[in-house]
Amino acid sequence: MAGIDRDTPIPSEIKLHQKSRMLEISYESGESFKLDFEYLRVYTPSAEARGHGPGQETLQTGKRNVEIERVEPVGTYALRFVFSDGHDSGLYSWDLLYNLGAHHDELWQAYLEQIEGQGLSRDIDTTSRPAAGGSCGHHH
């Protein structure tokens, strides 16, 4: 596991904006990032999505309307997001969150290119197992 680099900025404030589906992270330095839930969800660090080595990642699809239901602190080094699609196994360490913020544009672009390259969709979820109970609501 990656340790926490002493230089990793620790957020001074974290706000969940449910309406705009944004997580706002502010740092004492005055820096702040707004990361949308979909972006956080597709870049989940969970083993299930990342695989156990390069090339084993599962591209996360159909997450355009995913919500973060709550954020739970994990020790003093990470956050766990509980997503509306039932995903809650990703631990987002401070350095990961900072990287996701600092490199948002290139990472998001890379994701869009992967989705397109594989003929997949941000609206059709091909990765999550159907929820128990067989309901797959949320059709607008």
Protein backbone atom coordinates (compact mmCIF):
# COMPACT_ATOMS: atom_id res chain seq x y z
CA MET A 1 0.00 0.00 0.00
CA ALA A 2 1.20 3.48 -0.77
CA GLY A 3 2.06 5.38 2.36
CA ILE A 4 1.18 8.98 2.82
CA ASP A 5 3.80 11.30 1.55
CA ARG A 6 4.58 13.95 4.11
CA ASP A 7 4.12 16.52 1.39
CA THR A 8 0.63 15.40 0.49
CA PRO A 9 -1.73 18.27 1.22
CA ILE A 10 -4.49 17.29 3.61
CA PRO A 11 -7.81 18.94 2.80
CA SER A 12 -8.96 21.54 5.27
CA GLU A 13 -12.54 21.22 4.13
CA ILE A 14 -14.59 18.71 2.17
CA LYS A 15 -18.08 19.53 0.98
CA LEU A 16 -20.56 17.30 -0.76
CA HIS A 17 -22.78 19.15 -3.22
CA GLN A 18 -25.56 16.66 -3.86
CA LYS A 19 -27.46 18.82 -6.35
CA SER A 20 -24.55 19.46 -8.66
CA ARG A 21 -23.00 16.04 -7.90
CA MET A 22 -19.70 17.60 -6.95
CA LEU A 23 -17.23 16.97 -4.19
CA GLU A 24 -15.43 20.15 -3.26
CA ILE A 25 -12.05 19.79 -1.62
CA SER A 26 -10.32 22.84 -0.17
CA TYR A 27 -6.79 23.11 1.14
CA GLU A 28 -5.21 25.54 3.54
CA SER A 29 -2.97 26.71 0.73
CA GLY A 30 -6.06 28.20 -0.89
CA GLU A 31 -6.16 25.53 -3.56
CA SER A 32 -9.45 23.81 -4.15
CA PHE A 33 -10.82 21.19 -6.50
CA LYS A 34 -14.31 20.32 -7.58
CA LEU A 35 -14.57 16.71 -8.59
CA ASP A 36 -17.80 15.31 -9.91
CA PHE A 37 -19.17 12.10 -8.49
CA GLU A 38 -18.94 10.31 -11.81
CA TYR A 39 -15.23 11.10 -12.06
CA LEU A 40 -14.58 9.92 -8.52
CA ARG A 41 -16.58 6.78 -9.17
CA VAL A 42 -14.82 5.78 -12.39
CA TYR A 43 -11.44 6.35 -10.79
CA THR A 44 -12.26 4.31 -7.70
CA PRO A 45 -9.12 2.78 -6.22
CA SER A 46 -10.98 -0.37 -5.19
CA ALA A 47 -9.31 -3.66 -6.06
CA GLU A 48 -12.50 -4.83 -7.71
CA ALA A 49 -12.22 -2.10 -10.34
CA ARG A 50 -8.45 -1.70 -10.52
CA GLY A 51 -7.61 -5.37 -10.79
CA HIS A 52 -4.39 -6.64 -9.31
CA GLY A 53 -1.99 -5.34 -11.87
CA PRO A 54 -1.69 -3.15 -14.93
CA GLY A 55 -4.09 -4.08 -17.68
CA GLN A 56 -6.48 -5.75 -15.29
CA GLU A 57 -8.53 -2.68 -14.64
CA THR A 58 -12.24 -2.93 -15.27
CA LEU A 59 -13.40 0.15 -17.10
CA GLN A 60 -16.28 1.57 -15.10
CA THR A 61 -19.25 2.47 -17.27
CA GLY A 62 -22.69 3.98 -16.96
CA LYS A 63 -21.83 6.18 -14.00
CA ARG A 64 -23.06 9.49 -15.36
CA ASN A 65 -25.84 9.78 -12.78
CA VAL A 66 -24.17 8.10 -9.83
CA GLU A 67 -24.48 9.86 -6.50
CA ILE A 68 -22.35 9.82 -3.39
CA GLU A 69 -24.65 9.06 -0.51
CA ARG A 70 -22.13 9.68 2.19
CA VAL A 71 -18.46 10.12 2.94
CA GLU A 72 -16.80 8.24 5.76
CA PRO A 73 -13.36 9.09 7.10
CA VAL A 74 -10.94 6.17 7.28
CA GLY A 75 -8.39 6.80 9.97
CA THR A 76 -6.60 10.06 9.29
CA TYR A 77 -5.44 9.22 5.82
CA ALA A 78 -8.37 8.44 3.54
CA LEU A 79 -12.04 8.80 2.75
CA ARG A 80 -14.50 6.13 1.80
CA PHE A 81 -17.36 7.17 -0.47
CA VAL A 82 -20.61 5.27 -0.41
CA PHE A 83 -22.06 5.50 -3.92
CA SER A 84 -25.68 5.14 -4.92
CA ASP A 85 -24.83 2.12 -7.09
CA GLY A 86 -23.80 0.24 -3.96
CA HIS A 87 -20.07 0.67 -4.52
CA ASP A 88 -18.26 1.41 -1.29
CA SER A 89 -14.98 -0.47 -1.33
CA GLY A 90 -12.73 2.28 -2.65
CA LEU A 91 -10.49 4.04 -0.14
CA TYR A 92 -9.50 7.45 -1.43
CA SER A 93 -6.27 8.46 0.26
CA TRP A 94 -5.28 12.13 0.48
CA ASP A 95 -2.61 11.70 -2.16
CA LEU A 96 -5.05 10.00 -4.54
CA LEU A 97 -7.63 12.75 -4.05
CA TYR A 98 -5.01 15.40 -4.62
CA ASN A 99 -3.83 13.67 -7.79
CA LEU A 100 -7.38 13.29 -9.04
CA GLY A 101 -7.84 17.01 -8.48
CA ALA A 102 -4.53 18.15 -9.89
CA HIS A 103 -4.74 15.95 -13.00
CA HIS A 104 -8.48 16.08 -13.50
CA ASP A 105 -8.51 17.19 -17.12
CA GLU A 106 -6.06 14.66 -18.47
CA LEU A 107 -7.51 11.78 -16.43
CA TRP A 108 -11.05 12.60 -17.48
CA GLN A 109 -9.96 12.84 -21.11
CA ALA A 110 -8.23 9.47 -20.82
CA TYR A 111 -11.41 7.97 -19.42
CA LEU A 112 -13.56 9.38 -22.22
CA GLU A 113 -11.13 8.05 -24.81
CA GLN A 114 -11.18 4.58 -23.23
CA ILE A 115 -14.97 4.52 -23.15
CA GLU A 116 -15.13 5.60 -26.76
CA GLY A 117 -12.35 3.29 -27.86
CA GLN A 118 -14.21 0.32 -26.40
CA GLY A 119 -17.57 1.41 -27.74
CA LEU A 120 -18.99 1.77 -24.23
CA SER A 121 -21.30 4.34 -22.70
CA ARG A 122 -21.41 6.63 -19.72
CA ASP A 123 -25.14 5.89 -19.54
CA ILE A 124 -25.13 2.11 -19.74
CA ASP A 125 -23.57 0.35 -16.81
CA THR A 126 -21.79 -2.78 -17.96
CA THR A 127 -19.70 -3.30 -14.84
CA SER A 128 -21.96 -3.41 -11.81
CA ARG A 129 -23.78 -6.54 -10.94
CA PRO A 130 -27.52 -5.95 -10.75
CA ALA A 131 -28.60 -5.07 -7.25
CA ALA A 132 -30.26 -7.83 -5.27
CA GLY A 133 -33.99 -7.60 -5.61
CA GLY A 134 -33.72 -7.10 -9.34
CA SER A 135 -34.69 -3.45 -9.36
CA CYS A 136 -32.73 -1.36 -11.77
CA GLY A 137 -34.80 1.81 -11.45
CA HIS A 138 -33.54 5.31 -12.26
CA HIS A 139 -34.87 5.45 -15.79
CA HIS A 140 -35.78 9.00 -16.67
